[in-house]
PDB file of N, CA and C in Angstrom:
ATOM      1  N   UNK A   1      40.604 113.192 135.994  1.00  0.00           N
ATOM      2  CA  UNK A   1      41.609 112.713 136.589  1.00  0.00           C
ATOM      3  C   UNK A   1      41.827 111.666 135.386  1.00  0.00           C
ATOM      4  N   UNK A   2      43.814 112.279 134.458  1.00  0.00           N
ATOM      5  CA  UNK A   2      44.547 110.960 133.602  1.00  0.00           C
ATOM      6  C   UNK A   2      45.463 110.978 133.835  1.00  0.00           C
ATOM      7  N   UNK A   3      46.182 110.018 133.848  1.00  0.00           N
ATOM      8  CA  UNK A   3      47.626 109.579 134.152  1.00  0.00           C
ATOM      9  C   UNK A   3      47.545 109.068 132.326  1.00  0.00           C
ATOM     10  N   UNK A   4      48.932 109.440 131.632  1.00  0.00           N
ATOM     11  CA  UNK A   4      48.392 108.984 130.350  1.00  0.00           C
ATOM     12  C   UNK A   4      50.272 108.491 130.205  1.00  0.00           C
ATOM     13  N   UNK A   5      50.506 106.786 130.213  1.00  0.00           N
ATOM     14  CA  UNK A   5      52.098 106.800 129.690  1.00  0.00           C
ATOM     15  C   UNK A   5      52.116 106.810 128.572  1.00  0.00           C
ATOM     16  N   UNK A   6      53.923 106.932 127.921  1.00  0.00           N
ATOM     17  CA  UNK A   6      53.918 106.945 126.570  1.00  0.00           C
ATOM     18  C   UNK A   6      55.208 106.371 126.634  1.00  0.00           C
ATOM     19  N   UNK A   7      56.077 106.374 125.247  1.00  0.00           N
ATOM     20  CA  UNK A   7      57.539 106.440 125.151  1.00  0.00           C
ATOM     21  C   UNK A   7      57.095 104.456 125.488  1.00  0.00           C
ATOM     22  N   UNK A   8      56.729 103.669 125.824  1.00  0.00           N
ATOM     23  CA  UNK A   8      57.056 102.360 125.735  1.00  0.00           C
ATOM     24  C   UNK A   8      57.995 101.669 123.779  1.00  0.00           C
ATOM     25  N   UNK A   9      57.454 100.329 124.073  1.00  0.00           N
ATOM     26  CA  UNK A   9      57.847  99.608 122.859  1.00  0.00           C
ATOM     27  C   UNK A   9      58.843  98.633 122.622  1.00  0.00           C
ATOM     28  N   UNK A  10      59.184  98.403 121.563  1.00  0.00           N
ATOM     29  CA  UNK A  10      60.321  96.885 121.055  1.00  0.00           C
ATOM     30  C   UNK A  10      61.644  97.645 121.607  1.00  0.00           C
ATOM     31  N   UNK A  11      62.785  96.787 121.592  1.00  0.00           N
ATOM     32  CA  UNK A  11      64.062  97.719 122.250  1.00  0.00           C
ATOM     33  C   UNK A  11      64.600  96.238 122.862  1.00  0.00           C
ATOM     34  N   UNK A  12      66.207  96.058 121.859  1.00  0.00           N
ATOM     35  CA  UNK A  12      66.989  94.961 121.799  1.00  0.00           C
ATOM     36  C   UNK A  12      67.358  94.951 123.250  1.00  0.00           C
ATOM     37  N   UNK A  13      67.650  93.645 123.659  1.00  0.00           N
ATOM     38  CA  UNK A  13      69.072  93.820 124.975  1.00  0.00           C
ATOM     39  C   UNK A  13      69.872  94.822 125.165  1.00  0.00           C
ATOM     40  N   UNK A  14      70.361  95.909 126.452  1.00  0.00           N
ATOM     41  CA  UNK A  14      71.208  96.918 126.560  1.00  0.00           C
ATOM     42  C   UNK A  14      70.583  98.221 125.803  1.00  0.00           C
ATOM     43  N   UNK A  15      69.283  98.189 125.063  1.00  0.00           N
ATOM     44  CA  UNK A  15      68.770  99.368 124.327  1.00  0.00           C
ATOM     45  C   UNK A  15      68.659 100.241 125.948  1.00  0.00           C
ATOM     46  N   UNK A  16      67.866 101.061 125.691  1.00  0.00           N
ATOM     47  CA  UNK A  16      67.559 102.263 125.808  1.00  0.00           C
ATOM     48  C   UNK A  16      66.204 102.582 125.897  1.00  0.00           C
ATOM     49  N   UNK A  17      65.280 103.383 126.892  1.00  0.00           N
ATOM     50  CA  UNK A  17      63.698 103.990 126.304  1.00  0.00           C
ATOM     51  C   UNK A  17      63.758 104.841 127.630  1.00  0.00           C
ATOM     52  N   UNK A  18      62.382 106.040 127.315  1.00  0.00           N
ATOM     53  CA  UNK A  18      62.108 106.619 128.190  1.00  0.00           C
ATOM     54  C   UNK A  18      61.037 106.835 127.941  1.00  0.00           C
ATOM     55  N   UNK A  19      60.235 106.676 129.296  1.00  0.00           N
ATOM     56  CA  UNK A  19      58.641 106.518 129.964  1.00  0.00           C
ATOM     57  C   UNK A  19      58.683 107.840 130.253  1.00  0.00           C
ATOM     58  N   UNK A  20      57.539 108.068 129.469  1.00  0.00           N
ATOM     59  CA  UNK A  20      56.699 109.474 130.069  1.00  0.00           C
ATOM     60  C   UNK A  20      54.843 109.049 130.704  1.00  0.00           C
ATOM     61  N   UNK A  21      54.581 109.780 131.550  1.00  0.00           N
ATOM     62  CA  UNK A  21      53.832 109.663 132.433  1.00  0.00           C
ATOM     63  C   UNK A  21      53.111 111.674 132.092  1.00  0.00           C
ATOM     64  N   UNK A  22      51.883 111.746 131.786  1.00  0.00           N
ATOM     65  CA  UNK A  22      51.906 113.055 131.199  1.00  0.00           C
ATOM     66  C   UNK A  22      50.244 112.906 132.508  1.00  0.00           C
ATOM     67  N   UNK A  23      50.560 114.141 133.333  1.00  0.00           N
ATOM     68  CA  UNK A  23      49.315 113.783 134.026  1.00  0.00           C
ATOM     69  C   UNK A  23      47.999 115.063 134.603  1.00  0.00           C
ATOM     70  N   UNK A  24      46.769 114.927 134.659  1.00  0.00           N
ATOM     71  CA  UNK A  24      46.155 115.794 134.256  1.00  0.00           C
ATOM     72  C   UNK A  24      44.389 115.445 135.121  1.00  0.00           C
ATOM     73  N   UNK A  25      44.049 116.848 135.642  1.00  0.00           N
ATOM     74  CA  UNK A  25      43.118 116.782 136.666  1.00  0.00           C
ATOM     75  C   UNK A  25      43.115 116.736 138.024  1.00  0.00           C
ATOM     76  N   UNK A  26      44.240 117.004 138.034  1.00  0.00           N
ATOM     77  CA  UNK A  26      44.865 116.832 139.950  1.00  0.00           C
ATOM     78  C   UNK A  26      45.839 117.609 140.261  1.00  0.00           C
ATOM     79  N   UNK A  27      46.476 117.712 141.559  1.00  0.00           N
ATOM     80  CA  UNK A  27      47.333 118.904 142.128  1.00  0.00           C
ATOM     81  C   UNK A  27      48.595 117.402 141.897  1.00  0.00           C
ATOM     82  N   UNK A  28      48.956 117.278 140.854  1.00  0.00           N
ATOM     83  CA  UNK A  28      50.314 116.858 140.203  1.00  0.00           C
ATOM     84  C   UNK A  28      51.203 117.221 141.048  1.00  0.00           C
ATOM     85  N   UNK A  29      52.096 118.295 141.768  1.00  0.00           N
ATOM     86  CA  UNK A  29      53.037 118.926 142.646  1.00  0.00           C
ATOM     87  C   UNK A  29      52.999 117.885 144.156  1.00  0.00           C
ATOM     88  N   UNK A  30      51.358 117.759 143.702  1.00  0.00           N
ATOM     89  CA  UNK A  30      51.413 117.293 145.625  1.00  0.00           C
ATOM     90  C   UNK A  30      51.650 115.977 145.512  1.00  0.00           C
ATOM     91  N   UNK A  31      51.862 115.120 144.499  1.00  0.00           N
ATOM     92  CA  UNK A  31      51.363 113.773 144.665  1.00  0.00           C
ATOM     93  C   UNK A  31      53.310 113.068 144.669  1.00  0.00           C
ATOM     94  N   UNK A  32      53.337 112.141 145.701  1.00  0.00           N
ATOM     95  CA  UNK A  32      54.124 111.219 144.798  1.00  0.00           C
ATOM     96  C   UNK A  32      54.061 110.556 143.941  1.00  0.00           C
ATOM     97  N   UNK A  33      54.739 110.190 142.886  1.00  0.00           N
ATOM     98  CA  UNK A  33      54.603 109.819 141.442  1.00  0.00           C
ATOM     99  C   UNK A  33      55.354 108.196 141.462  1.00  0.00           C
ATOM    100  N   UNK A  34      55.063 107.004 141.221  1.00  0.00           N
ATOM    101  CA  UNK A  34      55.672 105.954 141.511  1.00  0.00           C
ATOM    102  C   UNK A  34      55.020 105.035 139.849  1.00  0.00           C
ATOM    103  N   UNK A  35      56.737 104.659 139.385  1.00  0.00           N
ATOM    104  CA  UNK A  35      56.957 103.117 138.173  1.00  0.00           C
ATOM    105  C   UNK A  35      55.996 102.487 138.948  1.00  0.00           C
ATOM    106  N   UNK A  36      55.504 101.560 138.183  1.00  0.00           N
ATOM    107  CA  UNK A  36      55.194  99.971 139.039  1.00  0.00           C
ATOM    108  C   UNK A  36      54.983  99.472 137.202  1.00  0.00           C
ATOM    109  N   UNK A  37      55.160  97.919 137.468  1.00  0.00           N
ATOM    110  CA  UNK A  37      55.363  97.220 135.966  1.00  0.00           C
ATOM    111  C   UNK A  37      54.539  95.779 136.501  1.00  0.00           C
ATOM    112  N   UNK A  38      54.873  95.505 135.818  1.00  0.00           N
ATOM    113  CA  UNK A  38      53.571  93.837 135.886  1.00  0.00           C
ATOM    114  C   UNK A  38      54.176  92.940 134.819  1.00  0.00           C
ATOM    115  N   UNK A  39      54.531  91.737 134.894  1.00  0.00           N
ATOM    116  CA  UNK A  39      54.954  91.007 133.589  1.00  0.00           C
ATOM    117  C   UNK A  39      53.722  90.049 133.612  1.00  0.00           C
ATOM    118  N   UNK A  40      53.777  89.050 132.416  1.00  0.00           N
ATOM    119  CA  UNK A  40      52.908  88.403 132.726  1.00  0.00           C
ATOM    120  C   UNK A  40      52.928  86.952 133.496  1.00  0.00           C
ATOM    121  N   UNK A  41      52.215  86.715 134.051  1.00  0.00           N
ATOM    122  CA  UNK A  41      52.031  85.662 135.063  1.00  0.00           C
ATOM    123  C   UNK A  41      52.705  86.420 136.497  1.00  0.00           C
ATOM    124  N   UNK A  42      53.291  87.331 136.740  1.00  0.00           N
ATOM    125  CA  UNK A  42      53.969  87.827 137.215  1.00  0.00           C
ATOM    126  C   UNK A  42      53.073  89.186 138.557  1.00  0.00           C
ATOM    127  N   UNK A  43      53.222  89.347 139.759  1.00  0.00           N
ATOM    128  CA  UNK A  43      52.493  90.387 140.832  1.00  0.00           C
ATOM    129  C   UNK A  43      52.951  91.506 140.078  1.00  0.00           C
ATOM    130  N   UNK A  44      52.299  92.879 140.329  1.00  0.00           N
ATOM    131  CA  UNK A  44      52.449  94.275 140.301  1.00  0.00           C
ATOM    132  C   UNK A  44      53.419  94.731 140.559  1.00  0.00           C
ATOM    133  N   UNK A  45      55.148  95.075 140.801  1.00  0.00           N
ATOM    134  CA  UNK A  45      55.833  95.549 140.998  1.00  0.00           C
ATOM    135  C   UNK A  45      56.220  96.819 141.378  1.00  0.00           C
ATOM    136  N   UNK A  46      56.658  97.917 142.554  1.00  0.00           N
ATOM    137  CA  UNK A  46      57.088  98.949 142.368  1.00  0.00           C
ATOM    138  C   UNK A  46      58.561  98.784 141.317  1.00  0.00           C
ATOM    139  N   UNK A  47      59.118  99.840 140.754  1.00  0.00           N
ATOM    140  CA  UNK A  47      60.293  99.794 140.109  1.00  0.00           C
ATOM    141  C   UNK A  47      60.855 101.447 140.835  1.00  0.00           C
ATOM    142  N   UNK A  48      59.989 102.048 141.300  1.00  0.00           N
ATOM    143  CA  UNK A  48      60.780 103.508 141.440  1.00  0.00           C
ATOM    144  C   UNK A  48      59.600 104.963 141.479  1.00  0.00           C
ATOM    145  N   UNK A  49      59.944 105.458 142.772  1.00  0.00           N
ATOM    146  CA  UNK A  49      59.460 106.584 143.519  1.00  0.00           C
ATOM    147  C   UNK A  49      59.786 107.493 143.302  1.00  0.00           C
ATOM    148  N   UNK A  50      59.302 108.661 143.419  1.00  0.00           N
ATOM    149  CA  UNK A  50      59.941 109.943 143.730  1.00  0.00           C
ATOM    150  C   UNK A  50      59.238 111.484 144.560  1.00  0.00           C
ATOM    151  N   UNK A  51      59.565 111.858 145.426  1.00  0.00           N
ATOM    152  CA  UNK A  51      59.040 112.905 146.305  1.00  0.00           C
ATOM    153  C   UNK A  51      57.999 113.718 145.307  1.00  0.00           C
ATOM    154  N   UNK A  52      57.173 114.564 146.110  1.00  0.00           N
ATOM    155  CA  UNK A  52      56.095 115.803 144.898  1.00  0.00           C
ATOM    156  C   UNK A  52      57.292 116.455 144.827  1.00  0.00           C
ATOM    157  N   UNK A  53      57.914 116.990 145.751  1.00  0.00           N
ATOM    158  CA  UNK A  53      59.220 118.136 144.904  1.00  0.00           C
ATOM    159  C   UNK A  53      60.393 117.638 144.224  1.00  0.00           C
ATOM    160  N   UNK A  54      60.235 116.325 143.948  1.00  0.00           N
ATOM    161  CA  UNK A  54      61.608 115.750 143.303  1.00  0.00           C
ATOM    162  C   UNK A  54      62.814 115.096 143.898  1.00  0.00           C
ATOM    163  N   UNK A  55      63.200 115.449 145.510  1.00  0.00           N
ATOM    164  CA  UNK A  55      63.930 115.557 146.282  1.00  0.00           C
ATOM    165  C   UNK A  55      64.128 114.478 146.616  1.00  0.00           C
ATOM    166  N   UNK A  56      63.619 113.344 146.591  1.00  0.00           N
ATOM    167  CA  UNK A  56      64.533 112.159 146.972  1.00  0.00           C
ATOM    168  C   UNK A  56      63.355 110.841 146.221  1.00  0.00           C
ATOM    169  N   UNK A  57      64.042 110.312 145.652  1.00  0.00           N
ATOM    170  CA  UNK A  57      63.928 108.675 144.595  1.00  0.00           C
ATOM    171  C   UNK A  57      64.330 107.290 145.191  1.00  0.00           C
ATOM    172  N   UNK A  58      63.262 106.529 144.720  1.00  0.00           N
ATOM    173  CA  UNK A  58      63.983 105.121 145.178  1.00  0.00           C
ATOM    174  C   UNK A  58      63.669 104.050 144.377  1.00  0.00           C
ATOM    175  N   UNK A  59      64.070 103.163 144.577  1.00  0.00           N
ATOM    176  CA  UNK A  59      64.416 102.236 143.347  1.00  0.00           C
ATOM    177  C   UNK A  59      64.369 101.075 143.390  1.00  0.00           C
ATOM    178  N   UNK A  60      63.845  99.872 142.980  1.00  0.00           N
ATOM    179  CA  UNK A  60      63.860  98.514 143.092  1.00  0.00           C
ATOM    180  C   UNK A  60      64.975  98.339 143.118  1.00  0.00           C
ATOM    181  N   UNK A  61      66.034  97.415 143.796  1.00  0.00           N
ATOM    182  CA  UNK A  61      67.049  96.516 143.557  1.00  0.00           C
ATOM    183  C   UNK A  61      67.289  96.103 141.713  1.00  0.00           C
ATOM    184  N   UNK A  62      66.138  95.546 141.306  1.00  0.00           N
ATOM    185  CA  UNK A  62      66.159  95.174 140.225  1.00  0.00           C
ATOM    186  C   UNK A  62      67.035  96.255 138.980  1.00  0.00           C
ATOM    187  N   UNK A  63      66.666  97.288 139.523  1.00  0.00           N
ATOM    188  CA  UNK A  63      67.015  98.299 138.188  1.00  0.00           C
ATOM    189  C   UNK A  63      67.364  99.697 138.755  1.00  0.00           C
ATOM    190  N   UNK A  64      68.475  99.670 140.255  1.00  0.00           N
ATOM    191  CA  UNK A  64      68.895 100.392 140.640  1.00  0.00           C
ATOM    192  C   UNK A  64      70.560 100.487 139.371  1.00  0.00           C
ATOM    193  N   UNK A  65      70.795 101.620 139.278  1.00  0.00           N
ATOM    194  CA  UNK A  65      72.119 101.727 138.647  1.00  0.00           C
ATOM    195  C   UNK A  65      71.564 101.728 137.174  1.00  0.00           C
ATOM    196  N   UNK A  66      70.603 101.513 136.847  1.00  0.00           N
ATOM    197  CA  UNK A  66      69.986 101.104 135.420  1.00  0.00           C
ATOM    198  C   UNK A  66      68.994 102.082 134.922  1.00  0.00           C
ATOM    199  N   UNK A  67      68.599 102.450 135.728  1.00  0.00           N
ATOM    200  CA  UNK A  67      66.550 103.485 135.841  1.00  0.00           C
ATOM    201  C   UNK A  67      66.691 104.982 136.598  1.00  0.00           C
ATOM    202  N   UNK A  68      66.508 105.788 135.937  1.00  0.00           N
ATOM    203  CA  UNK A  68      66.658 106.889 136.435  1.00  0.00           C
ATOM    204  C   UNK A  68      64.990 107.754 136.780  1.00  0.00           C
ATOM    205  N   UNK A  69      64.695 108.068 138.131  1.00  0.00           N
ATOM    206  CA  UNK A  69      62.923 108.684 137.661  1.00  0.00           C
ATOM    207  C   UNK A  69      63.455 110.035 137.749  1.00  0.00           C
ATOM    208  N   UNK A  70      62.509 110.926 136.892  1.00  0.00           N
ATOM    209  CA  UNK A  70      62.220 111.803 136.927  1.00  0.00           C
ATOM    210  C   UNK A  70      60.845 113.104 136.923  1.00  0.00           C
ATOM    211  N   UNK A  71      60.925 114.116 137.774  1.00  0.00           N
ATOM    212  CA  UNK A  71      60.025 114.608 137.053  1.00  0.00           C
ATOM    213  C   UNK A  71      60.455 116.376 136.777  1.00  0.00           C
ATOM    214  N   UNK A  72      58.878 116.805 135.834  1.00  0.00           N
ATOM    215  CA  UNK A  72      58.435 117.885 135.887  1.00  0.00           C
ATOM    216  C   UNK A  72      57.715 118.487 136.460  1.00  0.00           C
ATOM    217  N   UNK A  73      57.951 119.395 137.474  1.00  0.00           N
ATOM    218  CA  UNK A  73      55.915 119.842 137.901  1.00  0.00           C
ATOM    219  C   UNK A  73      55.756 120.686 137.303  1.00  0.00           C
ATOM    220  N   UNK A  74      56.535 121.404 136.589  1.00  0.00           N
ATOM    221  CA  UNK A  74      55.880 122.698 135.457  1.00  0.00           C
ATOM    222  C   UNK A  74      55.156 121.454 133.999  1.00  0.00           C
ATOM    223  N   UNK A  75      55.033 120.541 133.933  1.00  0.00           N
ATOM    224  CA  UNK A  75      55.105 119.745 132.469  1.00  0.00           C
ATOM    225  C   UNK A  75      54.069 118.475 132.976  1.00  0.00           C
ATOM    226  N   UNK A  76      53.750 119.103 134.567  1.00  0.00           N
ATOM    227  CA  UNK A  76      52.800 117.832 135.150  1.00  0.00           C
ATOM    228  C   UNK A  76      53.306 116.444 134.431  1.00  0.00           C
ATOM    229  N   UNK A  77      54.643 116.368 134.484  1.00  0.00           N
ATOM    230  CA  UNK A  77      54.903 114.894 133.866  1.00  0.00           C
ATOM    231  C   UNK A  77      55.839 114.565 134.497  1.00  0.00           C
ATOM    232  N   UNK A  78      56.298 112.661 134.772  1.00  0.00           N
ATOM    233  CA  UNK A  78      56.865 112.143 135.589  1.00  0.00           C
ATOM    234  C   UNK A  78      57.255 111.180 134.468  1.00  0.00           C
ATOM    235  N   UNK A  79      59.030 110.459 134.696  1.00  0.00           N
ATOM    236  CA  UNK A  79      59.847 109.766 133.673  1.00  0.00           C
ATOM    237  C   UNK A  79      60.468 108.627 134.296  1.00  0.00           C
ATOM    238  N   UNK A  80      60.462 107.821 133.541  1.00  0.00           N
ATOM    239  CA  UNK A  80      61.362 106.613 133.891  1.00  0.00           C
ATOM    240  C   UNK A  80      62.556 106.427 132.508  1.00  0.00           C
ATOM    241  N   UNK A  81      63.855 106.828 132.709  1.00  0.00           N
ATOM    242  CA  UNK A  81      64.402 106.527 131.233  1.00  0.00           C
ATOM    243  C   UNK A  81      65.112 105.239 132.413  1.00  0.00           C
ATOM    244  N   UNK A  82      65.147 103.915 131.243  1.00  0.00           N
ATOM    245  CA  UNK A  82      65.246 103.168 131.408  1.00  0.00           C
ATOM    246  C   UNK A  82      66.449 102.566 130.184  1.00  0.00           C
ATOM    247  N   UNK A  83      67.465 102.704 131.013  1.00  0.00           N
ATOM    248  CA  UNK A  83      68.989 102.089 130.754  1.00  0.00           C
ATOM    249  C   UNK A  83      69.619 100.635 130.472  1.00  0.00           C
ATOM    250  N   UNK A  84      70.992  99.651 129.536  1.00  0.00           N
ATOM    251  CA  UNK A  84      71.035  99.276 129.812  1.00  0.00           C
ATOM    252  C   UNK A  84      69.467  97.723 129.808  1.00  0.00           C
ATOM    253  N   UNK A  85      68.601  98.054 129.320  1.00  0.00           N
ATOM    254  CA  UNK A  85      67.298  96.855 129.407  1.00  0.00           C
ATOM    255  C   UNK A  85      67.781  95.723 129.034  1.00  0.00           C
ATOM    256  N   UNK A  86      67.517  94.539 130.070  1.00  0.00           N
ATOM    257  CA  UNK A  86      67.046  93.531 130.061  1.00  0.00           C
ATOM    258  C   UNK A  86      66.253  92.795 129.818  1.00  0.00           C
ATOM    259  N   UNK A  87      65.742  90.905 128.978  1.00  0.00           N
ATOM    260  CA  UNK A  87      64.216  90.601 128.779  1.00  0.00           C
ATOM    261  C   UNK A  87      63.755  90.278 129.936  1.00  0.00           C
ATOM    262  N   UNK A  88      64.687  90.643 131.110  1.00  0.00           N
ATOM    263  CA  UNK A  88      63.659  90.497 132.383  1.00  0.00           C
ATOM    264  C   UNK A  88      62.868  91.859 132.893  1.00  0.00           C
ATOM    265  N   UNK A  89      63.361  92.782 132.120  1.00  0.00           N
ATOM    266  CA  UNK A  89      62.652  93.949 132.290  1.00  0.00           C
ATOM    267  C   UNK A  89      61.293  94.306 131.667  1.00  0.00           C
ATOM    268  N   UNK A  90      61.183  93.316 130.292  1.00  0.00           N
ATOM    269  CA  UNK A  90      59.248  92.957 130.060  1.00  0.00           C
ATOM    270  C   UNK A  90      58.293  93.211 130.185  1.00  0.00           C
ATOM    271  N   UNK A  91      57.241  93.567 130.385  1.00  0.00           N
ATOM    272  CA  UNK A  91      56.209  93.955 131.117  1.00  0.00           C
ATOM    273  C   UNK A  91      55.980  95.257 130.896  1.00  0.00           C
ATOM    274  N   UNK A  92      54.401  95.384 130.944  1.00  0.00           N
ATOM    275  CA  UNK A  92      53.668  96.825 131.175  1.00  0.00           C
ATOM    276  C   UNK A  92      53.993  97.799 132.741  1.00  0.00           C
ATOM    277  N   UNK A  93      54.355  98.968 131.760  1.00  0.00           N
ATOM    278  CA  UNK A  93      54.356  99.718 133.229  1.00  0.00           C
ATOM    279  C   UNK A  93      53.862 101.048 133.522  1.00  0.00           C
ATOM    280  N   UNK A  94      53.270 101.234 134.734  1.00  0.00           N
ATOM    281  CA  UNK A  94      52.316 101.989 135.076  1.00  0.00           C
ATOM    282  C   UNK A  94      52.759 103.030 135.832  1.00  0.00           C
ATOM    283  N   UNK A  95      52.156 104.320 135.328  1.00  0.00           N
ATOM    284  CA  UNK A  95      52.621 104.772 136.617  1.00  0.00           C
ATOM    285  C   UNK A  95      51.462 105.576 138.026  1.00  0.00           C
ATOM    286  N   UNK A  96      51.819 105.740 138.940  1.00  0.00           N
ATOM    287  CA  UNK A  96      50.845 106.419 140.065  1.00  0.00           C
ATOM    288  C   UNK A  96      51.098 107.168 140.438  1.00  0.00           C
ATOM    289  N   UNK A  97      50.296 107.859 141.224  1.00  0.00           N
ATOM    290  CA  UNK A  97      50.050 109.079 141.738  1.00  0.00           C
ATOM    291  C   UNK A  97      49.399 108.544 143.008  1.00  0.00           C
ATOM    292  N   UNK A  98      49.909 109.931 144.432  1.00  0.00           N
ATOM    293  CA  UNK A  98      49.734 109.049 145.286  1.00  0.00           C
ATOM    294  C   UNK A  98      49.693 110.035 146.410  1.00  0.00           C
ATOM    295  N   UNK A  99      48.540 110.595 146.895  1.00  0.00           N
ATOM    296  CA  UNK A  99      49.165 111.376 148.784  1.00  0.00           C
ATOM    297  C   UNK A  99      47.651 110.859 149.342  1.00  0.00           C
ATOM    298  N   UNK A 100      47.682 111.938 149.884  1.00  0.00           N
ATOM    299  CA  UNK A 100      46.377 111.535 151.513  1.00  0.00           C
ATOM    300  C   UNK A 100      45.573 111.743 150.646  1.00  0.00           C
ATOM    301  N   UNK A 101      44.851 112.474 149.609  1.00  0.00           N
ATOM    302  CA  UNK A 101      43.995 112.420 148.540  1.00  0.00           C
ATOM    303  C   UNK A 101      43.217 111.683 148.170  1.00  0.00           C
ATOM    304  N   UNK A 102      44.248 110.740 147.865  1.00  0.00           N
ATOM    305  CA  UNK A 102      44.262 109.309 147.249  1.00  0.00           C
ATOM    306  C   UNK A 102      44.750 109.674 146.049  1.00  0.00           C
ATOM    307  N   UNK A 103      44.160 108.368 145.206  1.00  0.00           N
ATOM    308  CA  UNK A 103      45.414 107.130 144.044  1.00  0.00           C
ATOM    309  C   UNK A 103      44.924 107.578 143.229  1.00  0.00           C
ATOM    310  N   UNK A 104      45.835 107.066 142.064  1.00  0.00           N
ATOM    311  CA  UNK A 104      45.408 107.287 140.464  1.00  0.00           C
ATOM    312  C   UNK A 104      46.338 106.147 139.937  1.00  0.00           C
ATOM    313  N   UNK A 105      46.085 105.654 138.476  1.00  0.00           N
ATOM    314  CA  UNK A 105      46.514 105.029 137.835  1.00  0.00           C
ATOM    315  C   UNK A 105      46.325 105.315 136.161  1.00  0.00           C
ATOM    316  N   UNK A 106      47.800 104.955 135.555  1.00  0.00           N
ATOM    317  CA  UNK A 106      47.281 105.182 134.406  1.00  0.00           C
ATOM    318  C   UNK A 106      47.323 103.732 133.632  1.00  0.00           C
ATOM    319  N   UNK A 107      46.825 103.893 132.255  1.00  0.00           N
ATOM    320  CA  UNK A 107      46.469 102.492 131.435  1.00  0.00           C
ATOM    321  C   UNK A 107      47.593 101.714 131.082  1.00  0.00           C
ATOM    322  N   UNK A 108      48.715 102.248 131.114  1.00  0.00           N
ATOM    323  CA  UNK A 108      49.905 101.035 131.351  1.00  0.00           C
ATOM    324  C   UNK A 108      50.513 101.503 129.596  1.00  0.00           C
ATOM    325  N   UNK A 109      51.918 101.338 129.601  1.00  0.00           N
ATOM    326  CA  UNK A 109      52.874 100.864 128.256  1.00  0.00           C
ATOM    327  C   UNK A 109      53.729  99.892 128.118  1.00  0.00           C
ATOM    328  N   UNK A 110      53.277  98.991 127.445  1.00  0.00           N
ATOM    329  CA  UNK A 110      54.155  98.393 126.926  1.00  0.00           C
ATOM    330  C   UNK A 110      55.660  98.473 126.524  1.00  0.00           C
ATOM    331  N   UNK A 111      56.415  97.481 127.289  1.00  0.00           N
ATOM    332  CA  UNK A 111      57.589  97.165 127.339  1.00  0.00           C
ATOM    333  C   UNK A 111      58.380  95.901 126.568  1.00  0.00           C
ATOM    334  N   UNK A 112      59.132  95.622 125.635  1.00  0.00           N
ATOM    335  CA  UNK A 112      59.365  94.611 125.573  1.00  0.00           C
ATOM    336  C   UNK A 112      61.030  94.277 125.152  1.00  0.00           C
ATOM    337  N   UNK A 113      61.543  93.837 125.770  1.00  0.00           N
ATOM    338  CA  UNK A 113      63.458  93.376 125.437  1.00  0.00           C
ATOM    339  C   UNK A 113      63.678  92.461 125.130  1.00  0.00           C
ATOM    340  N   UNK A 114      63.795  92.440 123.778  1.00  0.00           N
ATOM    341  CA  UNK A 114      63.859  91.248 123.402  1.00  0.00           C
ATOM    342  C   UNK A 114      65.085  91.790 121.808  1.00  0.00           C
ATOM    343  N   UNK A 115      65.457  90.863 121.690  1.00  0.00           N
ATOM    344  CA  UNK A 115      66.341  90.225 119.811  1.00  0.00           C
ATOM    345  C   UNK A 115      65.516  89.652 119.462  1.00  0.00           C
TER     346      UNK A 115
END
């Protein structure tokens, strides 16, 4: 089982990034996918999730209207489009796969928003 995040980096405030999480080794289309983030000295928090078929999404209040989660079950990949980034969005971003059969985590990708 692998979840591999990519797309992080350094971006200026107001900029955009698109994170990807490529999954392998499990039935991706049966899993709820969630993006979490953890800033230095803070607890890990949920950013956005999407149901297995992609029909429903849910967002943390802090990112509503700026971030969009999506998935491509044919490519076993979940995405997080992040727009209007703020310094407060600086964190390591992790993807998580969850179903009744278990849960898996990726290794994380660093997002830094700074001028």
